[in-house]
PDB file of N, CA and C in Angstrom:
ATOM      1  N   MET A   1       0.802  -1.211   0.000  1.00  0.00           N
ATOM      2  CA  MET A   1       0.000   0.000   0.000  1.00  0.00           C
ATOM      3  C   MET A   1       0.838   1.265   0.000  1.00  0.00           C
ATOM      4  N   PRO A   2       2.004   1.279   0.621  1.00  0.00           N
ATOM      5  CA  PRO A   2       2.807   2.506   0.527  1.00  0.00           C
ATOM      6  C   PRO A   2       3.207   2.842  -0.910  1.00  0.00           C
ATOM      7  N   ASP A   3       3.354   1.806  -1.769  1.00  0.00           N
ATOM      8  CA  ASP A   3       3.676   2.079  -3.165  1.00  0.00           C
ATOM      9  C   ASP A   3       2.540   2.826  -3.844  1.00  0.00           C
ATOM     10  N   LEU A   4       1.314   2.455  -3.506  1.00  0.00           N
ATOM     11  CA  LEU A   4       0.158   3.122  -4.086  1.00  0.00           C
ATOM     12  C   LEU A   4       0.096   4.587  -3.635  1.00  0.00           C
ATOM     13  N   ALA A   5       0.351   4.835  -2.366  1.00  0.00           N
ATOM     14  CA  ALA A   5       0.341   6.208  -1.855  1.00  0.00           C
ATOM     15  C   ALA A   5       1.447   7.038  -2.495  1.00  0.00           C
ATOM     16  N   ASN A   6       2.612   6.438  -2.640  1.00  0.00           N
ATOM     17  CA  ASN A   6       3.727   7.154  -3.288  1.00  0.00           C
ATOM     18  C   ASN A   6       3.412   7.456  -4.743  1.00  0.00           C
ATOM     19  N   PHE A   7       2.784   6.498  -5.424  1.00  0.00           N
ATOM     20  CA  PHE A   7       2.445   6.705  -6.827  1.00  0.00           C
ATOM     21  C   PHE A   7       1.419   7.817  -6.988  1.00  0.00           C
ATOM     22  N   ILE A   8       0.415   7.818  -6.131  1.00  0.00           N
ATOM     23  CA  ILE A   8      -0.611   8.861  -6.211  1.00  0.00           C
ATOM     24  C   ILE A   8      -0.009  10.227  -5.899  1.00  0.00           C
ATOM     25  N   GLN A   9       0.870  10.270  -4.918  1.00  0.00           N
ATOM     26  CA  GLN A   9       1.521  11.533  -4.587  1.00  0.00           C
ATOM     27  C   GLN A   9       2.412  12.014  -5.729  1.00  0.00           C
ATOM     28  N   ALA A  10       3.148  11.100  -6.333  1.00  0.00           N
ATOM     29  CA  ALA A  10       4.019  11.477  -7.454  1.00  0.00           C
ATOM     30  C   ALA A  10       3.203  11.948  -8.658  1.00  0.00           C
ATOM     31  N   SER A  11       2.086  11.285  -8.937  1.00  0.00           N
ATOM     32  CA  SER A  11       1.268  11.711 -10.072  1.00  0.00           C
ATOM     33  C   SER A  11       0.607  13.065  -9.803  1.00  0.00           C
ATOM     34  N   THR A  12       0.255  13.333  -8.550  1.00  0.00           N
ATOM     35  CA  THR A  12      -0.318  14.635  -8.209  1.00  0.00           C
ATOM     36  C   THR A  12       0.714  15.742  -8.352  1.00  0.00           C
ATOM     37  N   VAL A  13       1.930  15.484  -7.887  1.00  0.00           N
ATOM     38  CA  VAL A  13       2.999  16.483  -8.018  1.00  0.00           C
ATOM     39  C   VAL A  13       3.328  16.725  -9.488  1.00  0.00           C
ATOM     40  N   SER A  14       3.367  15.660 -10.281  1.00  0.00           N
ATOM     41  CA  SER A  14       3.653  15.844 -11.706  1.00  0.00           C
ATOM     42  C   SER A  14       2.517  16.587 -12.397  1.00  0.00           C
ATOM     43  N   ALA A  15       1.272  16.377 -11.956  1.00  0.00           N
ATOM     44  CA  ALA A  15       0.154  17.124 -12.529  1.00  0.00           C
ATOM     45  C   ALA A  15       0.256  18.605 -12.173  1.00  0.00           C
ATOM     46  N   ILE A  16       0.708  18.901 -10.962  1.00  0.00           N
ATOM     47  CA  ILE A  16       0.881  20.294 -10.556  1.00  0.00           C
ATOM     48  C   ILE A  16       1.960  20.967 -11.400  1.00  0.00           C
ATOM     49  N   PHE A  17       3.080  20.282 -11.598  1.00  0.00           N
ATOM     50  CA  PHE A  17       4.142  20.853 -12.434  1.00  0.00           C
ATOM     51  C   PHE A  17       3.684  20.973 -13.890  1.00  0.00           C
ATOM     52  N   GLY A  18       2.926  19.994 -14.362  1.00  0.00           N
ATOM     53  CA  GLY A  18       2.400  20.069 -15.724  1.00  0.00           C
ATOM     54  C   GLY A  18       1.472  21.248 -15.914  1.00  0.00           C
ATOM     55  N   THR A  19       0.633  21.491 -14.924  1.00  0.00           N
ATOM     56  CA  THR A  19      -0.261  22.643 -14.992  1.00  0.00           C
ATOM     57  C   THR A  19       0.525  23.947 -14.974  1.00  0.00           C
ATOM     58  N   ALA A  20       1.539  24.013 -14.127  1.00  0.00           N
ATOM     59  CA  ALA A  20       2.341  25.236 -14.041  1.00  0.00           C
ATOM     60  C   ALA A  20       3.049  25.522 -15.357  1.00  0.00           C
ATOM     61  N   ILE A  21       3.677  24.517 -15.920  1.00  0.00           N
ATOM     62  CA  ILE A  21       4.379  24.711 -17.194  1.00  0.00           C
ATOM     63  C   ILE A  21       3.381  24.934 -18.325  1.00  0.00           C
ATOM     64  N   GLY A  22       2.265  24.194 -18.266  1.00  0.00           N
ATOM     65  CA  GLY A  22       1.252  24.324 -19.304  1.00  0.00           C
ATOM     66  C   GLY A  22       0.539  25.656 -19.289  1.00  0.00           C
ATOM     67  N   ALA A  23       0.551  26.354 -18.181  1.00  0.00           N
ATOM     68  CA  ALA A  23      -0.033  27.694 -18.130  1.00  0.00           C
ATOM     69  C   ALA A  23       1.016  28.765 -18.386  1.00  0.00           C
ATOM     70  N   LEU A  24       2.229  28.516 -17.962  1.00  0.00           N
ATOM     71  CA  LEU A  24       3.289  29.510 -18.104  1.00  0.00           C
ATOM     72  C   LEU A  24       3.752  29.662 -19.550  1.00  0.00           C
ATOM     73  N   ALA A  25       3.967  28.563 -20.226  1.00  0.00           N
ATOM     74  CA  ALA A  25       4.486  28.629 -21.596  1.00  0.00           C
ATOM     75  C   ALA A  25       3.516  29.334 -22.555  1.00  0.00           C
ATOM     76  N   PRO A  26       2.225  28.992 -22.575  1.00  0.00           N
ATOM     77  CA  PRO A  26       1.322  29.748 -23.451  1.00  0.00           C
ATOM     78  C   PRO A  26       1.185  31.216 -23.056  1.00  0.00           C
ATOM     79  N   ALA A  27       1.269  31.514 -21.766  1.00  0.00           N
ATOM     80  CA  ALA A  27       1.175  32.915 -21.344  1.00  0.00           C
ATOM     81  C   ALA A  27       2.363  33.715 -21.876  1.00  0.00           C
ATOM     82  N   ILE A  28       3.534  33.139 -21.817  1.00  0.00           N
ATOM     83  CA  ILE A  28       4.720  33.814 -22.364  1.00  0.00           C
ATOM     84  C   ILE A  28       4.595  33.957 -23.874  1.00  0.00           C
ATOM     85  N   ALA A  29       4.127  32.899 -24.540  1.00  0.00           N
ATOM     86  CA  ALA A  29       3.977  32.953 -25.996  1.00  0.00           C
ATOM     87  C   ALA A  29       2.934  33.986 -26.412  1.00  0.00           C
ATOM     88  N   MET A  30       1.845  34.072 -25.653  1.00  0.00           N
ATOM     89  CA  MET A  30       0.815  35.076 -25.979  1.00  0.00           C
ATOM     90  C   MET A  30       1.343  36.493 -25.786  1.00  0.00           C
ATOM     91  N   GLY A  31       2.051  36.718 -24.695  1.00  0.00           N
ATOM     92  CA  GLY A  31       2.622  38.039 -24.465  1.00  0.00           C
ATOM     93  C   GLY A  31       3.622  38.428 -25.543  1.00  0.00           C
ATOM     94  N   TRP A  32       4.426  37.471 -25.944  1.00  0.00           N
ATOM     95  CA  TRP A  32       5.420  37.733 -26.984  1.00  0.00           C
ATOM     96  C   TRP A  32       4.750  38.023 -28.317  1.00  0.00           C
ATOM     97  N   SER A  33       3.722  37.244 -28.661  1.00  0.00           N
ATOM     98  CA  SER A  33       3.063  37.461 -29.949  1.00  0.00           C
ATOM     99  C   SER A  33       2.279  38.775 -29.970  1.00  0.00           C
ATOM    100  N   ILE A  34       1.653  39.130 -28.862  1.00  0.00           N
ATOM    101  CA  ILE A  34       0.946  40.417 -28.810  1.00  0.00           C
ATOM    102  C   ILE A  34       1.931  41.571 -28.899  1.00  0.00           C
ATOM    103  N   SER A  35       3.074  41.427 -28.248  1.00  0.00           N
ATOM    104  CA  SER A  35       4.098  42.461 -28.333  1.00  0.00           C
ATOM    105  C   SER A  35       4.587  42.637 -29.765  1.00  0.00           C
ATOM    106  N   ARG A  36       4.812  41.513 -30.444  1.00  0.00           N
ATOM    107  CA  ARG A  36       5.260  41.593 -31.842  1.00  0.00           C
ATOM    108  C   ARG A  36       4.174  42.180 -32.749  1.00  0.00           C
ATOM    109  N   ALA A  37       2.914  41.840 -32.460  1.00  0.00           N
ATOM    110  CA  ALA A  37       1.827  42.397 -33.277  1.00  0.00           C
ATOM    111  C   ALA A  37       1.719  43.905 -33.074  1.00  0.00           C
ATOM    112  N   MET A  38       1.886  44.375 -31.844  1.00  0.00           N
ATOM    113  CA  MET A  38       1.834  45.814 -31.591  1.00  0.00           C
ATOM    114  C   MET A  38       3.001  46.527 -32.278  1.00  0.00           C
ATOM    115  N   ASP A  39       4.149  45.872 -32.295  1.00  0.00           N
ATOM    116  CA  ASP A  39       5.306  46.432 -32.989  1.00  0.00           C
ATOM    117  C   ASP A  39       5.028  46.518 -34.494  1.00  0.00           C
ATOM    118  N   ALA A  40       4.424  45.459 -35.037  1.00  0.00           N
ATOM    119  CA  ALA A  40       4.102  45.466 -36.466  1.00  0.00           C
ATOM    120  C   ALA A  40       3.048  46.523 -36.790  1.00  0.00           C
ATOM    121  N   LEU A  41       2.083  46.701 -35.891  1.00  0.00           N
ATOM    122  CA  LEU A  41       1.060  47.725 -36.122  1.00  0.00           C
ATOM    123  C   LEU A  41       1.639  49.133 -36.068  1.00  0.00           C
ATOM    124  N   SER A  42       2.620  49.340 -35.207  1.00  0.00           N
ATOM    125  CA  SER A  42       3.223  50.675 -35.143  1.00  0.00           C
ATOM    126  C   SER A  42       4.070  50.961 -36.379  1.00  0.00           C
ATOM    127  N   ARG A  43       4.606  49.926 -37.000  1.00  0.00           N
ATOM    128  CA  ARG A  43       5.413  50.127 -38.207  1.00  0.00           C
ATOM    129  C   ARG A  43       4.547  50.273 -39.462  1.00  0.00           C
ATOM    130  N   GLN A  44       3.470  49.465 -39.541  1.00  0.00           N
ATOM    131  CA  GLN A  44       2.600  49.501 -40.718  1.00  0.00           C
ATOM    132  C   GLN A  44       1.131  49.545 -40.288  1.00  0.00           C
ATOM    133  N   PRO A  45       0.621  50.705 -39.959  1.00  0.00           N
ATOM    134  CA  PRO A  45      -0.784  50.793 -39.514  1.00  0.00           C
ATOM    135  C   PRO A  45      -1.788  50.423 -40.602  1.00  0.00           C
ATOM    136  N   GLU A  46      -1.387  50.529 -41.857  1.00  0.00           N
ATOM    137  CA  GLU A  46      -2.322  50.212 -42.940  1.00  0.00           C
ATOM    138  C   GLU A  46      -2.567  48.702 -43.064  1.00  0.00           C
ATOM    139  N   ALA A  47      -1.733  47.886 -42.485  1.00  0.00           N
ATOM    140  CA  ALA A  47      -1.898  46.427 -42.526  1.00  0.00           C
ATOM    141  C   ALA A  47      -2.584  45.903 -41.266  1.00  0.00           C
ATOM    142  N   GLU A  48      -3.392  46.735 -40.649  1.00  0.00           N
ATOM    143  CA  GLU A  48      -4.009  46.370 -39.365  1.00  0.00           C
ATOM    144  C   GLU A  48      -4.893  45.134 -39.473  1.00  0.00           C
ATOM    145  N   HIS A  49      -5.719  45.040 -40.484  1.00  0.00           N
ATOM    146  CA  HIS A  49      -6.654  43.923 -40.592  1.00  0.00           C
ATOM    147  C   HIS A  49      -5.917  42.597 -40.785  1.00  0.00           C
ATOM    148  N   SER A  50      -4.918  42.609 -41.597  1.00  0.00           N
ATOM    149  CA  SER A  50      -4.146  41.380 -41.827  1.00  0.00           C
ATOM    150  C   SER A  50      -3.385  40.949 -40.575  1.00  0.00           C
ATOM    151  N   ILE A  51      -2.785  41.918 -39.903  1.00  0.00           N
ATOM    152  CA  ILE A  51      -2.015  41.608 -38.692  1.00  0.00           C
ATOM    153  C   ILE A  51      -2.929  41.105 -37.585  1.00  0.00           C
ATOM    154  N   MET A  52      -4.070  41.755 -37.395  1.00  0.00           N
ATOM    155  CA  MET A  52      -4.979  41.360 -36.323  1.00  0.00           C
ATOM    156  C   MET A  52      -5.601  39.993 -36.594  1.00  0.00           C
ATOM    157  N   ARG A  53      -5.939  39.714 -37.833  1.00  0.00           N
ATOM    158  CA  ARG A  53      -6.503  38.406 -38.173  1.00  0.00           C
ATOM    159  C   ARG A  53      -5.490  37.302 -37.893  1.00  0.00           C
ATOM    160  N   THR A  54      -4.265  37.516 -38.313  1.00  0.00           N
ATOM    161  CA  THR A  54      -3.220  36.531 -38.061  1.00  0.00           C
ATOM    162  C   THR A  54      -2.932  36.400 -36.574  1.00  0.00           C
ATOM    163  N   LEU A  55      -2.968  37.500 -35.843  1.00  0.00           N
ATOM    164  CA  LEU A  55      -2.736  37.471 -34.396  1.00  0.00           C
ATOM    165  C   LEU A  55      -3.806  36.651 -33.695  1.00  0.00           C
ATOM    166  N   PHE A  56      -5.072  36.869 -34.045  1.00  0.00           N
ATOM    167  CA  PHE A  56      -6.144  36.136 -33.372  1.00  0.00           C
ATOM    168  C   PHE A  56      -6.103  34.643 -33.682  1.00  0.00           C
ATOM    169  N   ILE A  57      -5.746  34.287 -34.902  1.00  0.00           N
ATOM    170  CA  ILE A  57      -5.602  32.864 -35.230  1.00  0.00           C
ATOM    171  C   ILE A  57      -4.457  32.263 -34.438  1.00  0.00           C
ATOM    172  N   GLY A  58      -3.352  32.970 -34.351  1.00  0.00           N
ATOM    173  CA  GLY A  58      -2.210  32.483 -33.567  1.00  0.00           C
ATOM    174  C   GLY A  58      -2.524  32.362 -32.094  1.00  0.00           C
ATOM    175  N   LEU A  59      -3.237  33.344 -31.543  1.00  0.00           N
ATOM    176  CA  LEU A  59      -3.617  33.279 -30.127  1.00  0.00           C
ATOM    177  C   LEU A  59      -4.563  32.115 -29.866  1.00  0.00           C
ATOM    178  N   ALA A  60      -5.445  31.821 -30.795  1.00  0.00           N
ATOM    179  CA  ALA A  60      -6.337  30.668 -30.628  1.00  0.00           C
ATOM    180  C   ALA A  60      -5.546  29.360 -30.630  1.00  0.00           C
ATOM    181  N   MET A  61      -4.545  29.276 -31.482  1.00  0.00           N
ATOM    182  CA  MET A  61      -3.710  28.064 -31.499  1.00  0.00           C
ATOM    183  C   MET A  61      -2.912  27.914 -30.204  1.00  0.00           C
ATOM    184  N   ILE A  62      -2.387  29.006 -29.699  1.00  0.00           N
ATOM    185  CA  ILE A  62      -1.637  28.964 -28.443  1.00  0.00           C
ATOM    186  C   ILE A  62      -2.557  28.573 -27.293  1.00  0.00           C
ATOM    187  N   GLU A  63      -3.757  29.126 -27.274  1.00  0.00           N
ATOM    188  CA  GLU A  63      -4.701  28.810 -26.200  1.00  0.00           C
ATOM    189  C   GLU A  63      -5.147  27.360 -26.263  1.00  0.00           C
ATOM    190  N   SER A  64      -5.236  26.802 -27.473  1.00  0.00           N
ATOM    191  CA  SER A  64      -5.615  25.392 -27.575  1.00  0.00           C
ATOM    192  C   SER A  64      -4.558  24.493 -26.944  1.00  0.00           C
ATOM    193  N   LEU A  65      -3.304  24.882 -27.003  1.00  0.00           N
ATOM    194  CA  LEU A  65      -2.260  24.098 -26.338  1.00  0.00           C
ATOM    195  C   LEU A  65      -2.459  24.093 -24.828  1.00  0.00           C
ATOM    196  N   ALA A  66      -2.842  25.222 -24.273  1.00  0.00           N
ATOM    197  CA  ALA A  66      -3.102  25.282 -22.832  1.00  0.00           C
ATOM    198  C   ALA A  66      -4.299  24.416 -22.456  1.00  0.00           C
ATOM    199  N   ILE A  67      -5.303  24.377 -23.303  1.00  0.00           N
ATOM    200  CA  ILE A  67      -6.476  23.545 -23.027  1.00  0.00           C
ATOM    201  C   ILE A  67      -6.106  22.071 -23.108  1.00  0.00           C
ATOM    202  N   TYR A  68      -5.267  21.687 -24.061  1.00  0.00           N
ATOM    203  CA  TYR A  68      -4.821  20.289 -24.151  1.00  0.00           C
ATOM    204  C   TYR A  68      -4.061  19.884 -22.900  1.00  0.00           C
ATOM    205  N   VAL A  69      -3.219  20.760 -22.387  1.00  0.00           N
ATOM    206  CA  VAL A  69      -2.484  20.464 -21.154  1.00  0.00           C
ATOM    207  C   VAL A  69      -3.459  20.276 -20.000  1.00  0.00           C
ATOM    208  N   LEU A  70      -4.466  21.126 -19.923  1.00  0.00           N
ATOM    209  CA  LEU A  70      -5.454  20.996 -18.858  1.00  0.00           C
ATOM    210  C   LEU A  70      -6.179  19.656 -18.941  1.00  0.00           C
ATOM    211  N   VAL A  71      -6.539  19.227 -20.128  1.00  0.00           N
ATOM    212  CA  VAL A  71      -7.231  17.949 -20.290  1.00  0.00           C
ATOM    213  C   VAL A  71      -6.344  16.790 -19.851  1.00  0.00           C
ATOM    214  N   ILE A  72      -5.087  16.800 -20.259  1.00  0.00           N
ATOM    215  CA  ILE A  72      -4.171  15.724 -19.884  1.00  0.00           C
ATOM    216  C   ILE A  72      -3.954  15.698 -18.377  1.00  0.00           C
ATOM    217  N   VAL A  73      -3.812  16.854 -17.770  1.00  0.00           N
ATOM    218  CA  VAL A  73      -3.606  16.913 -16.312  1.00  0.00           C
ATOM    219  C   VAL A  73      -4.841  16.399 -15.582  1.00  0.00           C
ATOM    220  N   LEU A  74      -6.023  16.736 -16.054  1.00  0.00           N
ATOM    221  CA  LEU A  74      -7.235  16.229 -15.420  1.00  0.00           C
ATOM    222  C   LEU A  74      -7.355  14.715 -15.567  1.00  0.00           C
ATOM    223  N   ILE A  75      -6.924  14.174 -16.700  1.00  0.00           N
ATOM    224  CA  ILE A  75      -6.922  12.724 -16.870  1.00  0.00           C
ATOM    225  C   ILE A  75      -5.959  12.079 -15.891  1.00  0.00           C
ATOM    226  N   VAL A  76      -4.784  12.664 -15.731  1.00  0.00           N
ATOM    227  CA  VAL A  76      -3.793  12.103 -14.796  1.00  0.00           C
ATOM    228  C   VAL A  76      -4.301  12.177 -13.363  1.00  0.00           C
ATOM    229  N   LEU A  77      -4.973  13.257 -13.010  1.00  0.00           N
ATOM    230  CA  LEU A  77      -5.451  13.399 -11.634  1.00  0.00           C
ATOM    231  C   LEU A  77      -6.630  12.489 -11.306  1.00  0.00           C
ATOM    232  N   PHE A  78      -7.610  12.421 -12.192  1.00  0.00           N
ATOM    233  CA  PHE A  78      -8.850  11.746 -11.835  1.00  0.00           C
ATOM    234  C   PHE A  78      -9.010  10.350 -12.422  1.00  0.00           C
ATOM    235  N   ARG A  79      -8.311  10.040 -13.489  1.00  0.00           N
ATOM    236  CA  ARG A  79      -8.420   8.710 -14.085  1.00  0.00           C
ATOM    237  C   ARG A  79      -7.058   8.309 -14.616  1.00  0.00           C
ATOM    238  N   ASN A  80      -6.159   8.038 -13.689  1.00  0.00           N
ATOM    239  CA  ASN A  80      -4.792   7.716 -14.058  1.00  0.00           C
ATOM    240  C   ASN A  80      -4.743   6.322 -14.679  1.00  0.00           C
ATOM    241  N   PRO A  81      -4.346   6.215 -15.947  1.00  0.00           N
ATOM    242  CA  PRO A  81      -4.337   4.903 -16.595  1.00  0.00           C
ATOM    243  C   PRO A  81      -3.276   3.949 -16.025  1.00  0.00           C
ATOM    244  N   LEU A  82      -2.234   4.463 -15.419  1.00  0.00           N
ATOM    245  CA  LEU A  82      -1.200   3.587 -14.851  1.00  0.00           C
ATOM    246  C   LEU A  82      -1.571   3.029 -13.488  1.00  0.00           C
ATOM    247  N   LEU A  83      -2.587   3.598 -12.880  1.00  0.00           N
ATOM    248  CA  LEU A  83      -2.991   3.164 -11.547  1.00  0.00           C
ATOM    249  C   LEU A  83      -3.547   1.743 -11.567  1.00  0.00           C
ATOM    250  N   GLU A  84      -4.193   1.348 -12.644  1.00  0.00           N
ATOM    251  CA  GLU A  84      -4.739  -0.006 -12.751  1.00  0.00           C
ATOM    252  C   GLU A  84      -3.631  -1.060 -12.710  1.00  0.00           C
ATOM    253  N   TYR A  85      -2.509  -0.785 -13.313  1.00  0.00           N
ATOM    254  CA  TYR A  85      -1.402  -1.747 -13.325  1.00  0.00           C
ATOM    255  C   TYR A  85      -0.752  -1.858 -11.966  1.00  0.00           C
ATOM    256  N   LEU A  86      -0.744  -0.773 -11.218  1.00  0.00           N
ATOM    257  CA  LEU A  86      -0.122  -0.791  -9.887  1.00  0.00           C
ATOM    258  C   LEU A  86      -0.995  -1.530  -8.882  1.00  0.00           C
ATOM    259  N   ILE A  87      -2.300  -1.430  -9.015  1.00  0.00           N
ATOM    260  CA  ILE A  87      -3.210  -2.088  -8.079  1.00  0.00           C
ATOM    261  C   ILE A  87      -3.156  -3.601  -8.233  1.00  0.00           C
ATOM    262  N   GLN A  88      -2.994  -4.086  -9.461  1.00  0.00           N
ATOM    263  CA  GLN A  88      -2.949  -5.528  -9.709  1.00  0.00           C
ATOM    264  C   GLN A  88      -1.684  -6.104  -9.198  1.00  0.00           C
TER     265      GLN A  88
END
């Protein structure tokens, strides 16, 4: 039974680190892309529609990565597939 407790604790800690990295990396990428878009808008204001459209598509792709991380972390926390092998 101590192996089971250690495994659950390790999977919880790894889920916490996964959430932290999974939230931090997209946040940095979003900030960087918005900064670059603002720089591009200040250089070429006439290309605003093209820049903003591309920015929003890019931000949606970055946000989808954060959502995928959240889904994987929730699977690890609530329905860990490796837990079945440890119990047997």
